[in-house]
Amino acid sequence: MLLTNIGGKYLVLEMPNNVDKLFANYFLLRYLVLFSIFFMATRDIKISILLSLLFFIIIKYILNEKSSFCLVRDSEILKKKITVEEYNKAKEIINKYNTEMGWKLRNI
């Protein structure tokens, strides 16, 4: 199983471009490959189906920013504006740190 996971990325390099297009266009093919990986690891069809469904739910709903059930919204974190008060407070902390460390203060 370990060799399959490590060596699998090198097999992709030898694949023709039309195979890439198949995987890009047909999402069921990607999930069939995912199911086969889970089946190779567990050798149990029920657990493999369950893991595939769990992976599908996590990727399509919990980690997808377009979903209303998304738990991780990276764009909200990036869009948050820093206020002047937060900037001044951070600047004071940096100046205090520099003073305690004995470094020369530079106006930033």
PDB file of N, CA and C in Angstrom:
ATOM      1  N   MET A   1       0.830  -1.193   0.000  1.00  0.00           N
ATOM      2  CA  MET A   1       0.000   0.000   0.000  1.00  0.00           C
ATOM      3  C   MET A   1       0.870   1.250   0.000  1.00  0.00           C
ATOM      4  N   LEU A   2       1.938   1.226   0.772  1.00  0.00           N
ATOM      5  CA  LEU A   2       2.836   2.372   0.838  1.00  0.00           C
ATOM      6  C   LEU A   2       3.495   2.626  -0.520  1.00  0.00           C
ATOM      7  N   LEU A   3       3.942   1.571  -1.182  1.00  0.00           N
ATOM      8  CA  LEU A   3       4.546   1.724  -2.507  1.00  0.00           C
ATOM      9  C   LEU A   3       3.542   2.250  -3.521  1.00  0.00           C
ATOM     10  N   THR A   4       2.306   1.837  -3.416  1.00  0.00           N
ATOM     11  CA  THR A   4       1.271   2.328  -4.323  1.00  0.00           C
ATOM     12  C   THR A   4       1.066   3.819  -4.142  1.00  0.00           C
ATOM     13  N   ASN A   5       1.011   4.276  -2.913  1.00  0.00           N
ATOM     14  CA  ASN A   5       0.797   5.701  -2.658  1.00  0.00           C
ATOM     15  C   ASN A   5       1.997   6.553  -3.070  1.00  0.00           C
ATOM     16  N   ILE A   6       3.180   6.069  -2.813  1.00  0.00           N
ATOM     17  CA  ILE A   6       4.368   6.840  -3.163  1.00  0.00           C
ATOM     18  C   ILE A   6       4.618   6.812  -4.669  1.00  0.00           C
ATOM     19  N   GLY A   7       4.514   5.649  -5.266  1.00  0.00           N
ATOM     20  CA  GLY A   7       4.819   5.511  -6.685  1.00  0.00           C
ATOM     21  C   GLY A   7       3.716   5.960  -7.616  1.00  0.00           C
ATOM     22  N   GLY A   8       2.513   6.139  -7.115  1.00  0.00           N
ATOM     23  CA  GLY A   8       1.394   6.529  -7.960  1.00  0.00           C
ATOM     24  C   GLY A   8       1.570   7.868  -8.632  1.00  0.00           C
ATOM     25  N   LYS A   9       2.240   8.784  -7.988  1.00  0.00           N
ATOM     26  CA  LYS A   9       2.411  10.106  -8.586  1.00  0.00           C
ATOM     27  C   LYS A   9       3.336  10.054  -9.797  1.00  0.00           C
ATOM     28  N   TYR A  10       4.217   9.071  -9.862  1.00  0.00           N
ATOM     29  CA  TYR A  10       5.113   8.954 -11.009  1.00  0.00           C
ATOM     30  C   TYR A  10       4.426   8.300 -12.204  1.00  0.00           C
ATOM     31  N   LEU A  11       3.387   7.529 -11.958  1.00  0.00           N
ATOM     32  CA  LEU A  11       2.625   6.947 -13.061  1.00  0.00           C
ATOM     33  C   LEU A  11       1.868   8.011 -13.834  1.00  0.00           C
ATOM     34  N   VAL A  12       1.469   9.054 -13.152  1.00  0.00           N
ATOM     35  CA  VAL A  12       0.725  10.134 -13.788  1.00  0.00           C
ATOM     36  C   VAL A  12       1.567  10.825 -14.850  1.00  0.00           C
ATOM     37  N   LEU A  13       2.864  10.882 -14.656  1.00  0.00           N
ATOM     38  CA  LEU A  13       3.743  11.545 -15.607  1.00  0.00           C
ATOM     39  C   LEU A  13       3.727  10.869 -16.981  1.00  0.00           C
ATOM     40  N   GLU A  14       3.454   9.565 -17.010  1.00  0.00           N
ATOM     41  CA  GLU A  14       3.462   8.820 -18.267  1.00  0.00           C
ATOM     42  C   GLU A  14       2.092   8.741 -18.928  1.00  0.00           C
ATOM     43  N   MET A  15       1.071   9.267 -18.291  1.00  0.00           N
ATOM     44  CA  MET A  15      -0.274   9.214 -18.851  1.00  0.00           C
ATOM     45  C   MET A  15      -0.424  10.220 -19.990  1.00  0.00           C
ATOM     46  N   PRO A  16      -1.119   9.833 -21.057  1.00  0.00           N
ATOM     47  CA  PRO A  16      -1.378  10.796 -22.133  1.00  0.00           C
ATOM     48  C   PRO A  16      -2.381  11.867 -21.691  1.00  0.00           C
ATOM     49  N   ASN A  17      -2.412  12.978 -22.410  1.00  0.00           N
ATOM     50  CA  ASN A  17      -3.275  14.100 -22.048  1.00  0.00           C
ATOM     51  C   ASN A  17      -4.757  13.762 -22.121  1.00  0.00           C
ATOM     52  N   ASN A  18      -5.155  12.861 -23.028  1.00  0.00           N
ATOM     53  CA  ASN A  18      -6.577  12.545 -23.133  1.00  0.00           C
ATOM     54  C   ASN A  18      -7.084  11.809 -21.893  1.00  0.00           C
ATOM     55  N   VAL A  19      -6.218  11.101 -21.193  1.00  0.00           N
ATOM     56  CA  VAL A  19      -6.625  10.457 -19.940  1.00  0.00           C
ATOM     57  C   VAL A  19      -6.858  11.526 -18.869  1.00  0.00           C
ATOM     58  N   ASP A  20      -6.018  12.553 -18.852  1.00  0.00           N
ATOM     59  CA  ASP A  20      -6.216  13.674 -17.925  1.00  0.00           C
ATOM     60  C   ASP A  20      -7.572  14.324 -18.151  1.00  0.00           C
ATOM     61  N   LYS A  21      -7.928  14.484 -19.416  1.00  0.00           N
ATOM     62  CA  LYS A  21      -9.214  15.103 -19.749  1.00  0.00           C
ATOM     63  C   LYS A  21     -10.376  14.238 -19.296  1.00  0.00           C
ATOM     64  N   LEU A  22     -10.226  12.921 -19.338  1.00  0.00           N
ATOM     65  CA  LEU A  22     -11.278  12.027 -18.849  1.00  0.00           C
ATOM     66  C   LEU A  22     -11.538  12.264 -17.363  1.00  0.00           C
ATOM     67  N   PHE A  23     -10.463  12.324 -16.593  1.00  0.00           N
ATOM     68  CA  PHE A  23     -10.615  12.535 -15.152  1.00  0.00           C
ATOM     69  C   PHE A  23     -11.129  13.933 -14.842  1.00  0.00           C
ATOM     70  N   ALA A  24     -10.780  14.906 -15.654  1.00  0.00           N
ATOM     71  CA  ALA A  24     -11.246  16.266 -15.429  1.00  0.00           C
ATOM     72  C   ALA A  24     -12.722  16.418 -15.752  1.00  0.00           C
ATOM     73  N   ASN A  25     -13.197  15.701 -16.762  1.00  0.00           N
ATOM     74  CA  ASN A  25     -14.591  15.849 -17.206  1.00  0.00           C
ATOM     75  C   ASN A  25     -15.579  14.964 -16.466  1.00  0.00           C
ATOM     76  N   TYR A  26     -15.156  13.800 -16.031  1.00  0.00           N
ATOM     77  CA  TYR A  26     -16.069  12.844 -15.405  1.00  0.00           C
ATOM     78  C   TYR A  26     -15.713  12.648 -13.938  1.00  0.00           C
ATOM     79  N   PHE A  27     -16.481  13.303 -13.060  1.00  0.00           N
ATOM     80  CA  PHE A  27     -16.178  13.225 -11.627  1.00  0.00           C
ATOM     81  C   PHE A  27     -16.437  11.825 -11.084  1.00  0.00           C
ATOM     82  N   LEU A  28     -17.357  11.069 -11.695  1.00  0.00           N
ATOM     83  CA  LEU A  28     -17.619   9.704 -11.225  1.00  0.00           C
ATOM     84  C   LEU A  28     -16.390   8.812 -11.396  1.00  0.00           C
ATOM     85  N   LEU A  29     -15.621   9.060 -12.418  1.00  0.00           N
ATOM     86  CA  LEU A  29     -14.402   8.292 -12.639  1.00  0.00           C
ATOM     87  C   LEU A  29     -13.401   8.550 -11.517  1.00  0.00           C
ATOM     88  N   ARG A  30     -13.318   9.799 -11.079  1.00  0.00           N
ATOM     89  CA  ARG A  30     -12.412  10.123  -9.964  1.00  0.00           C
ATOM     90  C   ARG A  30     -12.845   9.424  -8.684  1.00  0.00           C
ATOM     91  N   TYR A  31     -14.139   9.395  -8.436  1.00  0.00           N
ATOM     92  CA  TYR A  31     -14.624   8.739  -7.220  1.00  0.00           C
ATOM     93  C   TYR A  31     -14.533   7.221  -7.319  1.00  0.00           C
ATOM     94  N   LEU A  32     -14.581   6.688  -8.515  1.00  0.00           N
ATOM     95  CA  LEU A  32     -14.373   5.251  -8.695  1.00  0.00           C
ATOM     96  C   LEU A  32     -12.929   4.888  -8.363  1.00  0.00           C
ATOM     97  N   VAL A  33     -11.995   5.721  -8.779  1.00  0.00           N
ATOM     98  CA  VAL A  33     -10.590   5.494  -8.441  1.00  0.00           C
ATOM     99  C   VAL A  33     -10.393   5.625  -6.934  1.00  0.00           C
ATOM    100  N   LEU A  34     -11.015   6.615  -6.330  1.00  0.00           N
ATOM    101  CA  LEU A  34     -10.928   6.791  -4.879  1.00  0.00           C
ATOM    102  C   LEU A  34     -11.487   5.576  -4.145  1.00  0.00           C
ATOM    103  N   PHE A  35     -12.633   5.083  -4.619  1.00  0.00           N
ATOM    104  CA  PHE A  35     -13.218   3.884  -4.020  1.00  0.00           C
ATOM    105  C   PHE A  35     -12.266   2.699  -4.147  1.00  0.00           C
ATOM    106  N   SER A  36     -11.631   2.549  -5.302  1.00  0.00           N
ATOM    107  CA  SER A  36     -10.718   1.424  -5.485  1.00  0.00           C
ATOM    108  C   SER A  36      -9.503   1.534  -4.569  1.00  0.00           C
ATOM    109  N   ILE A  37      -9.047   2.758  -4.310  1.00  0.00           N
ATOM    110  CA  ILE A  37      -7.936   2.940  -3.368  1.00  0.00           C
ATOM    111  C   ILE A  37      -8.369   2.539  -1.962  1.00  0.00           C
ATOM    112  N   PHE A  38      -9.558   2.983  -1.559  1.00  0.00           N
ATOM    113  CA  PHE A  38     -10.066   2.581  -0.236  1.00  0.00           C
ATOM    114  C   PHE A  38     -10.274   1.074  -0.162  1.00  0.00           C
ATOM    115  N   PHE A  39     -10.732   0.470  -1.243  1.00  0.00           N
ATOM    116  CA  PHE A  39     -10.954  -0.978  -1.242  1.00  0.00           C
ATOM    117  C   PHE A  39      -9.634  -1.733  -1.152  1.00  0.00           C
ATOM    118  N   MET A  40      -8.612  -1.245  -1.839  1.00  0.00           N
ATOM    119  CA  MET A  40      -7.292  -1.884  -1.737  1.00  0.00           C
ATOM    120  C   MET A  40      -6.762  -1.808  -0.306  1.00  0.00           C
ATOM    121  N   ALA A  41      -7.033  -0.698   0.357  1.00  0.00           N
ATOM    122  CA  ALA A  41      -6.505  -0.519   1.709  1.00  0.00           C
ATOM    123  C   ALA A  41      -7.273  -1.343   2.739  1.00  0.00           C
ATOM    124  N   THR A  42      -8.598  -1.440   2.578  1.00  0.00           N
ATOM    125  CA  THR A  42      -9.400  -2.085   3.621  1.00  0.00           C
ATOM    126  C   THR A  42      -9.810  -3.513   3.298  1.00  0.00           C
ATOM    127  N   ARG A  43      -9.937  -3.844   2.026  1.00  0.00           N
ATOM    128  CA  ARG A  43     -10.438  -5.146   1.574  1.00  0.00           C
ATOM    129  C   ARG A  43     -11.844  -5.439   2.098  1.00  0.00           C
ATOM    130  N   ASP A  44     -12.590  -4.375   2.346  1.00  0.00           N
ATOM    131  CA  ASP A  44     -13.980  -4.506   2.793  1.00  0.00           C
ATOM    132  C   ASP A  44     -14.818  -3.524   1.990  1.00  0.00           C
ATOM    133  N   ILE A  45     -15.801  -4.049   1.264  1.00  0.00           N
ATOM    134  CA  ILE A  45     -16.581  -3.202   0.363  1.00  0.00           C
ATOM    135  C   ILE A  45     -17.456  -2.206   1.122  1.00  0.00           C
ATOM    136  N   LYS A  46     -18.001  -2.602   2.264  1.00  0.00           N
ATOM    137  CA  LYS A  46     -18.867  -1.705   3.038  1.00  0.00           C
ATOM    138  C   LYS A  46     -18.063  -0.516   3.590  1.00  0.00           C
ATOM    139  N   ILE A  47     -16.920  -0.822   4.147  1.00  0.00           N
ATOM    140  CA  ILE A  47     -16.087   0.249   4.697  1.00  0.00           C
ATOM    141  C   ILE A  47     -15.580   1.153   3.574  1.00  0.00           C
ATOM    142  N   SER A  48     -15.264   0.564   2.426  1.00  0.00           N
ATOM    143  CA  SER A  48     -14.792   1.360   1.288  1.00  0.00           C
ATOM    144  C   SER A  48     -15.871   2.304   0.795  1.00  0.00           C
ATOM    145  N   ILE A  49     -17.092   1.832   0.711  1.00  0.00           N
ATOM    146  CA  ILE A  49     -18.206   2.696   0.305  1.00  0.00           C
ATOM    147  C   ILE A  49     -18.413   3.800   1.334  1.00  0.00           C
ATOM    148  N   LEU A  50     -18.370   3.431   2.602  1.00  0.00           N
ATOM    149  CA  LEU A  50     -18.547   4.414   3.671  1.00  0.00           C
ATOM    150  C   LEU A  50     -17.445   5.480   3.640  1.00  0.00           C
ATOM    151  N   LEU A  51     -16.200   5.064   3.466  1.00  0.00           N
ATOM    152  CA  LEU A  51     -15.093   6.026   3.400  1.00  0.00           C
ATOM    153  C   LEU A  51     -15.203   6.914   2.169  1.00  0.00           C
ATOM    154  N   SER A  52     -15.636   6.347   1.044  1.00  0.00           N
ATOM    155  CA  SER A  52     -15.809   7.139  -0.169  1.00  0.00           C
ATOM    156  C   SER A  52     -16.901   8.184   0.017  1.00  0.00           C
ATOM    157  N   LEU A  53     -18.005   7.785   0.623  1.00  0.00           N
ATOM    158  CA  LEU A  53     -19.085   8.737   0.891  1.00  0.00           C
ATOM    159  C   LEU A  53     -18.644   9.811   1.878  1.00  0.00           C
ATOM    160  N   LEU A  54     -17.919   9.420   2.883  1.00  0.00           N
ATOM    161  CA  LEU A  54     -17.415  10.379   3.863  1.00  0.00           C
ATOM    162  C   LEU A  54     -16.473  11.382   3.197  1.00  0.00           C
ATOM    163  N   PHE A  55     -15.583  10.901   2.340  1.00  0.00           N
ATOM    164  CA  PHE A  55     -14.686  11.783   1.606  1.00  0.00           C
ATOM    165  C   PHE A  55     -15.478  12.732   0.716  1.00  0.00           C
ATOM    166  N   PHE A  56     -16.491  12.220   0.026  1.00  0.00           N
ATOM    167  CA  PHE A  56     -17.340  13.033  -0.846  1.00  0.00           C
ATOM    168  C   PHE A  56     -18.026  14.147  -0.057  1.00  0.00           C
ATOM    169  N   ILE A  57     -18.588  13.804   1.092  1.00  0.00           N
ATOM    170  CA  ILE A  57     -19.290  14.790   1.920  1.00  0.00           C
ATOM    171  C   ILE A  57     -18.317  15.855   2.431  1.00  0.00           C
ATOM    172  N   ILE A  58     -17.157  15.433   2.865  1.00  0.00           N
ATOM    173  CA  ILE A  58     -16.181  16.390   3.388  1.00  0.00           C
ATOM    174  C   ILE A  58     -15.728  17.346   2.295  1.00  0.00           C
ATOM    175  N   ILE A  59     -15.409  16.820   1.119  1.00  0.00           N
ATOM    176  CA  ILE A  59     -14.891  17.661   0.038  1.00  0.00           C
ATOM    177  C   ILE A  59     -15.986  18.539  -0.559  1.00  0.00           C
ATOM    178  N   LYS A  60     -17.157  17.983  -0.795  1.00  0.00           N
ATOM    179  CA  LYS A  60     -18.205  18.732  -1.499  1.00  0.00           C
ATOM    180  C   LYS A  60     -18.968  19.710  -0.602  1.00  0.00           C
ATOM    181  N   TYR A  61     -19.044  19.440   0.688  1.00  0.00           N
ATOM    182  CA  TYR A  61     -19.870  20.276   1.554  1.00  0.00           C
ATOM    183  C   TYR A  61     -19.088  20.986   2.651  1.00  0.00           C
ATOM    184  N   ILE A  62     -18.263  20.267   3.380  1.00  0.00           N
ATOM    185  CA  ILE A  62     -17.628  20.845   4.558  1.00  0.00           C
ATOM    186  C   ILE A  62     -16.450  21.748   4.188  1.00  0.00           C
ATOM    187  N   LEU A  63     -15.673  21.382   3.155  1.00  0.00           N
ATOM    188  CA  LEU A  63     -14.514  22.177   2.770  1.00  0.00           C
ATOM    189  C   LEU A  63     -14.750  23.054   1.544  1.00  0.00           C
ATOM    190  N   ASN A  64     -15.914  22.945   0.926  1.00  0.00           N
ATOM    191  CA  ASN A  64     -16.225  23.721  -0.273  1.00  0.00           C
ATOM    192  C   ASN A  64     -16.740  25.101   0.127  1.00  0.00           C
ATOM    193  N   GLU A  65     -16.051  26.156  -0.308  1.00  0.00           N
ATOM    194  CA  GLU A  65     -16.430  27.518   0.078  1.00  0.00           C
ATOM    195  C   GLU A  65     -17.787  27.925  -0.478  1.00  0.00           C
ATOM    196  N   LYS A  66     -18.220  27.314  -1.560  1.00  0.00           N
ATOM    197  CA  LYS A  66     -19.497  27.669  -2.169  1.00  0.00           C
ATOM    198  C   LYS A  66     -20.683  27.013  -1.466  1.00  0.00           C
ATOM    199  N   SER A  67     -20.424  26.059  -0.592  1.00  0.00           N
ATOM    200  CA  SER A  67     -21.480  25.352   0.128  1.00  0.00           C
ATOM    201  C   SER A  67     -21.933  26.153   1.350  1.00  0.00           C
ATOM    202  N   SER A  68     -23.220  26.038   1.677  1.00  0.00           N
ATOM    203  CA  SER A  68     -23.720  26.725   2.870  1.00  0.00           C
ATOM    204  C   SER A  68     -23.295  26.012   4.155  1.00  0.00           C
ATOM    205  N   PHE A  69     -22.795  24.777   4.042  1.00  0.00           N
ATOM    206  CA  PHE A  69     -22.343  24.016   5.202  1.00  0.00           C
ATOM    207  C   PHE A  69     -20.838  24.127   5.427  1.00  0.00           C
ATOM    208  N   CYS A  70     -20.185  25.003   4.707  1.00  0.00           N
ATOM    209  CA  CYS A  70     -18.725  25.131   4.773  1.00  0.00           C
ATOM    210  C   CYS A  70     -18.288  25.573   6.175  1.00  0.00           C
ATOM    211  N   LEU A  71     -17.295  24.886   6.699  1.00  0.00           N
ATOM    212  CA  LEU A  71     -16.768  25.229   8.012  1.00  0.00           C
ATOM    213  C   LEU A  71     -15.497  26.058   7.928  1.00  0.00           C
ATOM    214  N   VAL A  72     -14.810  26.002   6.794  1.00  0.00           N
ATOM    215  CA  VAL A  72     -13.545  26.699   6.631  1.00  0.00           C
ATOM    216  C   VAL A  72     -13.681  27.678   5.476  1.00  0.00           C
ATOM    217  N   ARG A  73     -13.858  28.932   5.801  1.00  0.00           N
ATOM    218  CA  ARG A  73     -13.987  29.963   4.772  1.00  0.00           C
ATOM    219  C   ARG A  73     -12.740  30.828   4.795  1.00  0.00           C
ATOM    220  N   ASP A  74     -11.824  30.522   3.922  1.00  0.00           N
ATOM    221  CA  ASP A  74     -10.547  31.230   3.856  1.00  0.00           C
ATOM    222  C   ASP A  74     -10.727  32.653   3.363  1.00  0.00           C
ATOM    223  N   SER A  75     -11.692  32.875   2.498  1.00  0.00           N
ATOM    224  CA  SER A  75     -11.864  34.213   1.931  1.00  0.00           C
ATOM    225  C   SER A  75     -12.317  35.225   2.985  1.00  0.00           C
ATOM    226  N   GLU A  76     -13.074  34.790   3.984  1.00  0.00           N
ATOM    227  CA  GLU A  76     -13.502  35.699   5.044  1.00  0.00           C
ATOM    228  C   GLU A  76     -12.315  36.143   5.887  1.00  0.00           C
ATOM    229  N   ILE A  77     -11.375  35.256   6.089  1.00  0.00           N
ATOM    230  CA  ILE A  77     -10.188  35.592   6.869  1.00  0.00           C
ATOM    231  C   ILE A  77      -9.342  36.590   6.097  1.00  0.00           C
ATOM    232  N   LEU A  78      -9.201  36.376   4.792  1.00  0.00           N
ATOM    233  CA  LEU A  78      -8.370  37.261   3.982  1.00  0.00           C
ATOM    234  C   LEU A  78      -9.010  38.622   3.769  1.00  0.00           C
ATOM    235  N   LYS A  79     -10.338  38.695   3.776  1.00  0.00           N
ATOM    236  CA  LYS A  79     -11.027  39.949   3.514  1.00  0.00           C
ATOM    237  C   LYS A  79     -11.126  40.839   4.742  1.00  0.00           C
ATOM    238  N   LYS A  80     -10.778  40.316   5.921  1.00  0.00           N
ATOM    239  CA  LYS A  80     -10.904  41.092   7.141  1.00  0.00           C
ATOM    240  C   LYS A  80      -9.927  42.263   7.111  1.00  0.00           C
ATOM    241  N   LYS A  81     -10.452  43.458   7.311  1.00  0.00           N
ATOM    242  CA  LYS A  81      -9.632  44.660   7.302  1.00  0.00           C
ATOM    243  C   LYS A  81      -9.048  44.902   8.690  1.00  0.00           C
ATOM    244  N   ILE A  82      -7.821  45.342   8.711  1.00  0.00           N
ATOM    245  CA  ILE A  82      -7.157  45.675   9.973  1.00  0.00           C
ATOM    246  C   ILE A  82      -7.471  47.127  10.292  1.00  0.00           C
ATOM    247  N   THR A  83      -7.957  47.350  11.500  1.00  0.00           N
ATOM    248  CA  THR A  83      -8.317  48.700  11.907  1.00  0.00           C
ATOM    249  C   THR A  83      -7.074  49.461  12.349  1.00  0.00           C
ATOM    250  N   VAL A  84      -7.218  50.774  12.446  1.00  0.00           N
ATOM    251  CA  VAL A  84      -6.111  51.630  12.878  1.00  0.00           C
ATOM    252  C   VAL A  84      -5.722  51.284  14.316  1.00  0.00           C
ATOM    253  N   GLU A  85      -6.726  50.987  15.150  1.00  0.00           N
ATOM    254  CA  GLU A  85      -6.441  50.639  16.543  1.00  0.00           C
ATOM    255  C   GLU A  85      -5.620  49.354  16.624  1.00  0.00           C
ATOM    256  N   GLU A  86      -5.965  48.362  15.807  1.00  0.00           N
ATOM    257  CA  GLU A  86      -5.217  47.103  15.810  1.00  0.00           C
ATOM    258  C   GLU A  86      -3.784  47.330  15.337  1.00  0.00           C
ATOM    259  N   TYR A  87      -3.621  48.170  14.331  1.00  0.00           N
ATOM    260  CA  TYR A  87      -2.286  48.486  13.821  1.00  0.00           C
ATOM    261  C   TYR A  87      -1.448  49.183  14.888  1.00  0.00           C
ATOM    262  N   ASN A  88      -2.033  50.180  15.550  1.00  0.00           N
ATOM    263  CA  ASN A  88      -1.294  50.915  16.584  1.00  0.00           C
ATOM    264  C   ASN A  88      -0.938  50.021  17.761  1.00  0.00           C
ATOM    265  N   LYS A  89      -1.857  49.117  18.137  1.00  0.00           N
ATOM    266  CA  LYS A  89      -1.591  48.208  19.246  1.00  0.00           C
ATOM    267  C   LYS A  89      -0.443  47.252  18.890  1.00  0.00           C
ATOM    268  N   ALA A  90      -0.445  46.755  17.659  1.00  0.00           N
ATOM    269  CA  ALA A  90       0.630  45.868  17.219  1.00  0.00           C
ATOM    270  C   ALA A  90       1.963  46.604  17.183  1.00  0.00           C
ATOM    271  N   LYS A  91       1.935  47.839  16.757  1.00  0.00           N
ATOM    272  CA  LYS A  91       3.142  48.651  16.696  1.00  0.00           C
ATOM    273  C   LYS A  91       3.703  48.886  18.099  1.00  0.00           C
ATOM    274  N   GLU A  92       2.812  49.131  19.080  1.00  0.00           N
ATOM    275  CA  GLU A  92       3.251  49.309  20.466  1.00  0.00           C
ATOM    276  C   GLU A  92       3.900  48.040  21.005  1.00  0.00           C
ATOM    277  N   ILE A  93       3.324  46.909  20.688  1.00  0.00           N
ATOM    278  CA  ILE A  93       3.879  45.636  21.162  1.00  0.00           C
ATOM    279  C   ILE A  93       5.260  45.404  20.565  1.00  0.00           C
ATOM    280  N   ILE A  94       5.413  45.699  19.284  1.00  0.00           N
ATOM    281  CA  ILE A  94       6.714  45.538  18.633  1.00  0.00           C
ATOM    282  C   ILE A  94       7.744  46.471  19.256  1.00  0.00           C
ATOM    283  N   ASN A  95       7.355  47.717  19.499  1.00  0.00           N
ATOM    284  CA  ASN A  95       8.277  48.676  20.117  1.00  0.00           C
ATOM    285  C   ASN A  95       8.664  48.241  21.527  1.00  0.00           C
ATOM    286  N   LYS A  96       7.712  47.718  22.279  1.00  0.00           N
ATOM    287  CA  LYS A  96       7.991  47.238  23.633  1.00  0.00           C
ATOM    288  C   LYS A  96       8.957  46.052  23.578  1.00  0.00           C
ATOM    289  N   TYR A  97       8.757  45.164  22.635  1.00  0.00           N
ATOM    290  CA  TYR A  97       9.647  44.018  22.474  1.00  0.00           C
ATOM    291  C   TYR A  97      11.056  44.482  22.132  1.00  0.00           C
ATOM    292  N   ASN A  98      11.160  45.406  21.194  1.00  0.00           N
ATOM    293  CA  ASN A  98      12.475  45.919  20.805  1.00  0.00           C
ATOM    294  C   ASN A  98      13.173  46.598  21.978  1.00  0.00           C
ATOM    295  N   THR A  99      12.417  47.319  22.809  1.00  0.00           N
ATOM    296  CA  THR A  99      12.987  47.988  23.974  1.00  0.00           C
ATOM    297  C   THR A  99      13.493  46.964  24.979  1.00  0.00           C
ATOM    298  N   GLU A 100      12.712  45.937  25.236  1.00  0.00           N
ATOM    299  CA  GLU A 100      13.116  44.917  26.198  1.00  0.00           C
ATOM    300  C   GLU A 100      14.320  44.124  25.717  1.00  0.00           C
ATOM    301  N   MET A 101      14.445  43.949  24.414  1.00  0.00           N
ATOM    302  CA  MET A 101      15.561  43.184  23.868  1.00  0.00           C
ATOM    303  C   MET A 101      16.811  44.055  23.716  1.00  0.00           C
ATOM    304  N   GLY A 102      16.669  45.380  23.923  1.00  0.00           N
ATOM    305  CA  GLY A 102      17.798  46.279  23.834  1.00  0.00           C
ATOM    306  C   GLY A 102      18.161  46.658  22.412  1.00  0.00           C
ATOM    307  N   TRP A 103      17.257  46.447  21.491  1.00  0.00           N
ATOM    308  CA  TRP A 103      17.524  46.804  20.100  1.00  0.00           C
ATOM    309  C   TRP A 103      17.230  48.287  19.885  1.00  0.00           C
ATOM    310  N   LYS A 104      17.868  48.839  18.885  1.00  0.00           N
ATOM    311  CA  LYS A 104      17.594  50.221  18.541  1.00  0.00           C
ATOM    312  C   LYS A 104      16.190  50.313  17.964  1.00  0.00           C
ATOM    313  N   LEU A 105      15.473  51.304  18.399  1.00  0.00           N
ATOM    314  CA  LEU A 105      14.130  51.497  17.888  1.00  0.00           C
ATOM    315  C   LEU A 105      14.205  52.221  16.546  1.00  0.00           C
ATOM    316  N   ARG A 106      13.434  51.713  15.653  1.00  0.00           N
ATOM    317  CA  ARG A 106      13.323  52.343  14.355  1.00  0.00           C
ATOM    318  C   ARG A 106      11.866  52.646  14.122  1.00  0.00           C
ATOM    319  N   ASN A 107      11.566  53.794  13.650  1.00  0.00           N
ATOM    320  CA  ASN A 107      10.188  54.128  13.353  1.00  0.00           C
ATOM    321  C   ASN A 107       9.756  53.399  12.091  1.00  0.00           C
ATOM    322  N   ILE A 108       8.746  52.613  12.219  1.00  0.00           N
ATOM    323  CA  ILE A 108       8.264  51.808  11.091  1.00  0.00           C
ATOM    324  C   ILE A 108       7.151  52.529  10.395  1.00  0.00           C
TER     325      ILE A 108
END
